[in-house]
PDB file of N, CA and C in Angstrom:
ATOM      1  N   UNK A   1       0.843  -1.161   0.000  1.00  0.00           N
ATOM      2  CA  UNK A   1       0.000   0.000   0.000  1.00  0.00           C
ATOM      3  C   UNK A   1       0.900   1.239   0.000  1.00  0.00           C
ATOM      4  N   UNK A   2       0.549   2.166  -0.841  1.00  0.00           N
ATOM      5  CA  UNK A   2       1.345   3.387  -0.946  1.00  0.00           C
ATOM      6  C   UNK A   2       0.618   4.525  -0.243  1.00  0.00           C
ATOM      7  N   UNK A   3       1.385   5.358   0.361  1.00  0.00           N
ATOM      8  CA  UNK A   3       0.802   6.542   0.984  1.00  0.00           C
ATOM      9  C   UNK A   3       1.774   7.695   0.822  1.00  0.00           C
ATOM     10  N   UNK A   4       1.216   8.883   0.978  1.00  0.00           N
ATOM     11  CA  UNK A   4       2.039  10.072   0.846  1.00  0.00           C
ATOM     12  C   UNK A   4       1.857  10.918   2.103  1.00  0.00           C
ATOM     13  N   UNK A   5       2.943  11.348   2.642  1.00  0.00           N
ATOM     14  CA  UNK A   5       2.906  12.162   3.845  1.00  0.00           C
ATOM     15  C   UNK A   5       3.566  13.491   3.531  1.00  0.00           C
ATOM     16  N   UNK A   6       2.793  14.534   3.619  1.00  0.00           N
ATOM     17  CA  UNK A   6       3.368  15.853   3.369  1.00  0.00           C
ATOM     18  C   UNK A   6       3.290  16.667   4.639  1.00  0.00           C
ATOM     19  N   UNK A   7       4.359  17.299   4.938  1.00  0.00           N
ATOM     20  CA  UNK A   7       4.392  18.189   6.087  1.00  0.00           C
ATOM     21  C   UNK A   7       4.940  19.528   5.628  1.00  0.00           C
ATOM     22  N   UNK A   8       4.417  20.540   6.224  1.00  0.00           N
ATOM     23  CA  UNK A   8       4.925  21.871   5.931  1.00  0.00           C
ATOM     24  C   UNK A   8       5.358  22.505   7.243  1.00  0.00           C
ATOM     25  N   UNK A   9       6.413  23.197   7.171  1.00  0.00           N
ATOM     26  CA  UNK A   9       6.926  23.866   8.368  1.00  0.00           C
ATOM     27  C   UNK A   9       6.276  25.243   8.461  1.00  0.00           C
ATOM     28  N   UNK A  10       5.728  25.489   9.586  1.00  0.00           N
ATOM     29  CA  UNK A  10       5.110  26.793   9.826  1.00  0.00           C
ATOM     30  C   UNK A  10       6.147  27.654  10.529  1.00  0.00           C
ATOM     31  N   UNK A  11       6.991  28.250   9.742  1.00  0.00           N
ATOM     32  CA  UNK A  11       8.048  29.060  10.325  1.00  0.00           C
ATOM     33  C   UNK A  11       7.693  30.528  10.174  1.00  0.00           C
ATOM     34  N   UNK A  12       7.851  31.209  11.250  1.00  0.00           N
ATOM     35  CA  UNK A  12       7.688  32.650  11.216  1.00  0.00           C
ATOM     36  C   UNK A  12       9.011  33.250  11.660  1.00  0.00           C
ATOM     37  N   UNK A  13       9.291  34.373  11.100  1.00  0.00           N
ATOM     38  CA  UNK A  13      10.571  34.982  11.430  1.00  0.00           C
ATOM     39  C   UNK A  13      10.574  35.474  12.877  1.00  0.00           C
ATOM     40  N   UNK A  14      11.739  35.666  13.382  1.00  0.00           N
ATOM     41  CA  UNK A  14      11.903  36.173  14.736  1.00  0.00           C
ATOM     42  C   UNK A  14      11.256  37.555  14.844  1.00  0.00           C
ATOM     43  N   UNK A  15      11.408  38.351  13.816  1.00  0.00           N
ATOM     44  CA  UNK A  15      10.848  39.696  13.831  1.00  0.00           C
ATOM     45  C   UNK A  15       9.317  39.668  13.847  1.00  0.00           C
ATOM     46  N   UNK A  16       8.731  38.704  13.151  1.00  0.00           N
ATOM     47  CA  UNK A  16       7.269  38.580  13.163  1.00  0.00           C
ATOM     48  C   UNK A  16       6.786  38.187  14.554  1.00  0.00           C
ATOM     49  N   UNK A  17       7.517  37.284  15.210  1.00  0.00           N
ATOM     50  CA  UNK A  17       7.132  36.883  16.565  1.00  0.00           C
ATOM     51  C   UNK A  17       7.278  38.038  17.550  1.00  0.00           C
ATOM     52  N   UNK A  18       8.348  38.793  17.428  1.00  0.00           N
ATOM     53  CA  UNK A  18       8.541  39.956  18.305  1.00  0.00           C
ATOM     54  C   UNK A  18       7.453  40.980  18.048  1.00  0.00           C
ATOM     55  N   UNK A  19       7.126  41.182  16.778  1.00  0.00           N
ATOM     56  CA  UNK A  19       6.037  42.095  16.439  1.00  0.00           C
ATOM     57  C   UNK A  19       4.726  41.647  17.039  1.00  0.00           C
ATOM     58  N   UNK A  20       4.478  40.336  17.043  1.00  0.00           N
ATOM     59  CA  UNK A  20       3.264  39.794  17.644  1.00  0.00           C
ATOM     60  C   UNK A  20       3.204  40.041  19.138  1.00  0.00           C
ATOM     61  N   UNK A  21       4.352  39.940  19.791  1.00  0.00           N
ATOM     62  CA  UNK A  21       4.408  40.199  21.233  1.00  0.00           C
ATOM     63  C   UNK A  21       4.072  41.656  21.516  1.00  0.00           C
ATOM     64  N   UNK A  22       4.658  42.558  20.742  1.00  0.00           N
ATOM     65  CA  UNK A  22       4.370  43.983  20.945  1.00  0.00           C
ATOM     66  C   UNK A  22       2.922  44.311  20.632  1.00  0.00           C
ATOM     67  N   UNK A  23       2.355  43.646  19.630  1.00  0.00           N
ATOM     68  CA  UNK A  23       0.953  43.846  19.304  1.00  0.00           C
ATOM     69  C   UNK A  23       0.067  43.404  20.466  1.00  0.00           C
ATOM     70  N   UNK A  24       0.379  42.262  21.043  1.00  0.00           N
ATOM     71  CA  UNK A  24      -0.393  41.755  22.179  1.00  0.00           C
ATOM     72  C   UNK A  24      -0.271  42.685  23.380  1.00  0.00           C
ATOM     73  N   UNK A  25       0.927  43.190  23.620  1.00  0.00           N
ATOM     74  CA  UNK A  25       1.113  44.136  24.728  1.00  0.00           C
ATOM     75  C   UNK A  25       0.322  45.416  24.504  1.00  0.00           C
ATOM     76  N   UNK A  26       0.318  45.906  23.282  1.00  0.00           N
ATOM     77  CA  UNK A  26      -0.427  47.127  22.974  1.00  0.00           C
ATOM     78  C   UNK A  26      -1.924  46.909  23.170  1.00  0.00           C
ATOM     79  N   UNK A  27      -2.403  45.747  22.763  1.00  0.00           N
ATOM     80  CA  UNK A  27      -3.827  45.432  22.937  1.00  0.00           C
ATOM     81  C   UNK A  27      -4.180  45.365  24.416  1.00  0.00           C
ATOM     82  N   UNK A  28      -3.349  44.684  25.200  1.00  0.00           N
ATOM     83  CA  UNK A  28      -3.606  44.580  26.639  1.00  0.00           C
ATOM     84  C   UNK A  28      -3.588  45.956  27.317  1.00  0.00           C
ATOM     85  N   UNK A  29      -2.654  46.810  26.899  1.00  0.00           N
ATOM     86  CA  UNK A  29      -2.570  48.150  27.475  1.00  0.00           C
ATOM     87  C   UNK A  29      -3.834  48.948  27.154  1.00  0.00           C
ATOM     88  N   UNK A  30      -4.310  48.859  25.923  1.00  0.00           N
ATOM     89  CA  UNK A  30      -5.531  49.573  25.539  1.00  0.00           C
ATOM     90  C   UNK A  30      -6.730  49.061  26.320  1.00  0.00           C
ATOM     91  N   UNK A  31      -6.804  47.742  26.503  1.00  0.00           N
ATOM     92  CA  UNK A  31      -7.898  47.164  27.278  1.00  0.00           C
ATOM     93  C   UNK A  31      -7.842  47.627  28.727  1.00  0.00           C
ATOM     94  N   UNK A  32      -6.653  47.651  29.301  1.00  0.00           N
ATOM     95  CA  UNK A  32      -6.513  48.077  30.687  1.00  0.00           C
ATOM     96  C   UNK A  32      -6.872  49.553  30.843  1.00  0.00           C
ATOM     97  N   UNK A  33      -6.441  50.365  29.898  1.00  0.00           N
ATOM     98  CA  UNK A  33      -6.761  51.793  29.947  1.00  0.00           C
ATOM     99  C   UNK A  33      -8.276  52.006  29.874  1.00  0.00           C
ATOM    100  N   UNK A  34      -8.954  51.283  28.987  1.00  0.00           N
ATOM    101  CA  UNK A  34     -10.409  51.391  28.883  1.00  0.00           C
ATOM    102  C   UNK A  34     -11.078  50.910  30.161  1.00  0.00           C
ATOM    103  N   UNK A  35     -10.548  49.831  30.754  1.00  0.00           N
ATOM    104  CA  UNK A  35     -11.084  49.334  32.026  1.00  0.00           C
ATOM    105  C   UNK A  35     -10.987  50.412  33.100  1.00  0.00           C
ATOM    106  N   UNK A  36      -9.807  51.030  33.228  1.00  0.00           N
ATOM    107  CA  UNK A  36      -9.612  52.051  34.259  1.00  0.00           C
ATOM    108  C   UNK A  36     -10.518  53.255  34.020  1.00  0.00           C
ATOM    109  N   UNK A  37     -10.638  53.704  32.779  1.00  0.00           N
ATOM    110  CA  UNK A  37     -11.497  54.844  32.470  1.00  0.00           C
ATOM    111  C   UNK A  37     -12.956  54.538  32.818  1.00  0.00           C
ATOM    112  N   UNK A  38     -13.401  53.346  32.457  1.00  0.00           N
ATOM    113  CA  UNK A  38     -14.783  52.957  32.745  1.00  0.00           C
ATOM    114  C   UNK A  38     -15.001  52.818  34.248  1.00  0.00           C
ATOM    115  N   UNK A  39     -14.093  52.139  34.914  1.00  0.00           N
ATOM    116  CA  UNK A  39     -14.230  51.947  36.355  1.00  0.00           C
ATOM    117  C   UNK A  39     -14.200  53.278  37.098  1.00  0.00           C
ATOM    118  N   UNK A  40     -13.260  54.148  36.743  1.00  0.00           N
ATOM    119  CA  UNK A  40     -13.173  55.445  37.405  1.00  0.00           C
ATOM    120  C   UNK A  40     -14.415  56.289  37.153  1.00  0.00           C
ATOM    121  N   UNK A  41     -14.922  56.253  35.919  1.00  0.00           N
ATOM    122  CA  UNK A  41     -16.124  57.015  35.598  1.00  0.00           C
ATOM    123  C   UNK A  41     -17.331  56.528  36.368  1.00  0.00           C
ATOM    124  N   UNK A  42     -17.504  55.211  36.449  1.00  0.00           N
ATOM    125  CA  UNK A  42     -18.633  54.670  37.201  1.00  0.00           C
ATOM    126  C   UNK A  42     -18.458  54.880  38.700  1.00  0.00           C
ATOM    127  N   UNK A  43     -17.232  54.819  39.181  1.00  0.00           N
ATOM    128  CA  UNK A  43     -16.982  55.018  40.609  1.00  0.00           C
ATOM    129  C   UNK A  43     -17.311  56.440  41.044  1.00  0.00           C
ATOM    130  N   UNK A  44     -17.212  57.375  40.127  1.00  0.00           N
ATOM    131  CA  UNK A  44     -17.492  58.773  40.456  1.00  0.00           C
ATOM    132  C   UNK A  44     -18.981  59.043  40.612  1.00  0.00           C
ATOM    133  N   UNK A  45     -19.822  58.127  40.144  1.00  0.00           N
ATOM    134  CA  UNK A  45     -21.265  58.324  40.250  1.00  0.00           C
ATOM    135  C   UNK A  45     -21.738  58.042  41.673  1.00  0.00           C
ATOM    136  N   UNK A  46     -22.818  58.691  42.036  1.00  0.00           N
ATOM    137  CA  UNK A  46     -23.403  58.439  43.357  1.00  0.00           C
ATOM    138  C   UNK A  46     -24.171  57.121  43.321  1.00  0.00           C
ATOM    139  N   UNK A  47     -24.522  56.628  44.506  1.00  0.00           N
ATOM    140  CA  UNK A  47     -25.287  55.385  44.586  1.00  0.00           C
ATOM    141  C   UNK A  47     -26.631  55.517  43.884  1.00  0.00           C
ATOM    142  N   UNK A  48     -27.218  56.677  43.973  1.00  0.00           N
ATOM    143  CA  UNK A  48     -28.513  56.901  43.321  1.00  0.00           C
ATOM    144  C   UNK A  48     -28.371  56.870  41.801  1.00  0.00           C
ATOM    145  N   UNK A  49     -27.317  57.507  41.297  1.00  0.00           N
ATOM    146  CA  UNK A  49     -27.095  57.493  39.850  1.00  0.00           C
ATOM    147  C   UNK A  49     -26.822  56.077  39.352  1.00  0.00           C
ATOM    148  N   UNK A  50     -26.069  55.317  40.134  1.00  0.00           N
ATOM    149  CA  UNK A  50     -25.814  53.919  39.764  1.00  0.00           C
ATOM    150  C   UNK A  50     -27.117  53.117  39.767  1.00  0.00           C
ATOM    151  N   UNK A  51     -27.956  53.363  40.762  1.00  0.00           N
ATOM    152  CA  UNK A  51     -29.240  52.665  40.831  1.00  0.00           C
ATOM    153  C   UNK A  51     -30.102  53.017  39.626  1.00  0.00           C
ATOM    154  N   UNK A  52     -30.039  54.263  39.166  1.00  0.00           N
ATOM    155  CA  UNK A  52     -30.783  54.665  37.965  1.00  0.00           C
ATOM    156  C   UNK A  52     -30.314  53.886  36.744  1.00  0.00           C
ATOM    157  N   UNK A  53     -29.047  53.513  36.727  1.00  0.00           N
ATOM    158  CA  UNK A  53     -28.498  52.717  35.630  1.00  0.00           C
ATOM    159  C   UNK A  53     -28.723  51.225  35.831  1.00  0.00           C
ATOM    160  N   UNK A  54     -29.263  50.865  36.984  1.00  0.00           N
ATOM    161  CA  UNK A  54     -29.502  49.463  37.292  1.00  0.00           C
ATOM    162  C   UNK A  54     -28.265  48.748  37.799  1.00  0.00           C
ATOM    163  N   UNK A  55     -27.338  49.512  38.389  1.00  0.00           N
ATOM    164  CA  UNK A  55     -26.088  48.948  38.878  1.00  0.00           C
ATOM    165  C   UNK A  55     -25.925  49.194  40.369  1.00  0.00           C
ATOM    166  N   UNK A  56     -25.123  48.354  40.987  1.00  0.00           N
ATOM    167  CA  UNK A  56     -24.701  48.604  42.360  1.00  0.00           C
ATOM    168  C   UNK A  56     -23.181  48.679  42.363  1.00  0.00           C
ATOM    169  N   UNK A  57     -22.624  49.190  43.426  1.00  0.00           N
ATOM    170  CA  UNK A  57     -21.164  49.337  43.506  1.00  0.00           C
ATOM    171  C   UNK A  57     -20.429  48.010  43.357  1.00  0.00           C
ATOM    172  N   UNK A  58     -21.047  46.937  43.807  1.00  0.00           N
ATOM    173  CA  UNK A  58     -20.387  45.634  43.724  1.00  0.00           C
ATOM    174  C   UNK A  58     -20.256  45.135  42.288  1.00  0.00           C
ATOM    175  N   UNK A  59     -20.970  45.717  41.361  1.00  0.00           N
ATOM    176  CA  UNK A  59     -20.923  45.286  39.964  1.00  0.00           C
ATOM    177  C   UNK A  59     -19.962  46.099  39.103  1.00  0.00           C
ATOM    178  N   UNK A  60     -19.357  47.135  39.645  1.00  0.00           N
ATOM    179  CA  UNK A  60     -18.563  48.051  38.832  1.00  0.00           C
ATOM    180  C   UNK A  60     -17.373  47.367  38.168  1.00  0.00           C
ATOM    181  N   UNK A  61     -16.665  46.526  38.895  1.00  0.00           N
ATOM    182  CA  UNK A  61     -15.510  45.851  38.291  1.00  0.00           C
ATOM    183  C   UNK A  61     -15.925  44.948  37.135  1.00  0.00           C
ATOM    184  N   UNK A  62     -17.012  44.211  37.324  1.00  0.00           N
ATOM    185  CA  UNK A  62     -17.494  43.314  36.268  1.00  0.00           C
ATOM    186  C   UNK A  62     -17.909  44.108  35.038  1.00  0.00           C
ATOM    187  N   UNK A  63     -18.653  45.191  35.239  1.00  0.00           N
ATOM    188  CA  UNK A  63     -19.120  46.002  34.121  1.00  0.00           C
ATOM    189  C   UNK A  63     -17.935  46.631  33.390  1.00  0.00           C
ATOM    190  N   UNK A  64     -16.974  47.142  34.130  1.00  0.00           N
ATOM    191  CA  UNK A  64     -15.790  47.737  33.515  1.00  0.00           C
ATOM    192  C   UNK A  64     -14.981  46.681  32.769  1.00  0.00           C
ATOM    193  N   UNK A  65     -14.855  45.485  33.341  1.00  0.00           N
ATOM    194  CA  UNK A  65     -14.122  44.395  32.683  1.00  0.00           C
ATOM    195  C   UNK A  65     -14.796  44.005  31.372  1.00  0.00           C
ATOM    196  N   UNK A  66     -16.116  43.825  31.431  1.00  0.00           N
ATOM    197  CA  UNK A  66     -16.845  43.434  30.223  1.00  0.00           C
ATOM    198  C   UNK A  66     -16.777  44.505  29.142  1.00  0.00           C
ATOM    199  N   UNK A  67     -16.815  45.757  29.540  1.00  0.00           N
ATOM    200  CA  UNK A  67     -16.762  46.826  28.530  1.00  0.00           C
ATOM    201  C   UNK A  67     -15.378  46.911  27.902  1.00  0.00           C
ATOM    202  N   UNK A  68     -14.347  46.585  28.658  1.00  0.00           N
ATOM    203  CA  UNK A  68     -12.991  46.692  28.099  1.00  0.00           C
ATOM    204  C   UNK A  68     -12.639  45.480  27.229  1.00  0.00           C
ATOM    205  N   UNK A  69     -13.271  44.368  27.459  1.00  0.00           N
ATOM    206  CA  UNK A  69     -12.965  43.162  26.682  1.00  0.00           C
ATOM    207  C   UNK A  69     -13.904  43.002  25.482  1.00  0.00           C
ATOM    208  N   UNK A  70     -14.907  43.848  25.423  1.00  0.00           N
ATOM    209  CA  UNK A  70     -15.785  43.928  24.273  1.00  0.00           C
ATOM    210  C   UNK A  70     -16.632  42.778  24.034  1.00  0.00           C
TER     211      UNK A  70
END
């Protein structure tokens, strides 16, 4: 019985990998910045204003996390 086995090497250059690392870092930084902006903005609201939005203080981290991760 005859068979054929083909393999391809998935090689990426060192520069492409380094670029990918910097891209990932930039994305994480942008997400963190959006998280902080959202959290700080919601934290500045009064309890009544948060209640008008249907939120409580205990939910602020979750809401900020979800908004930053899209």
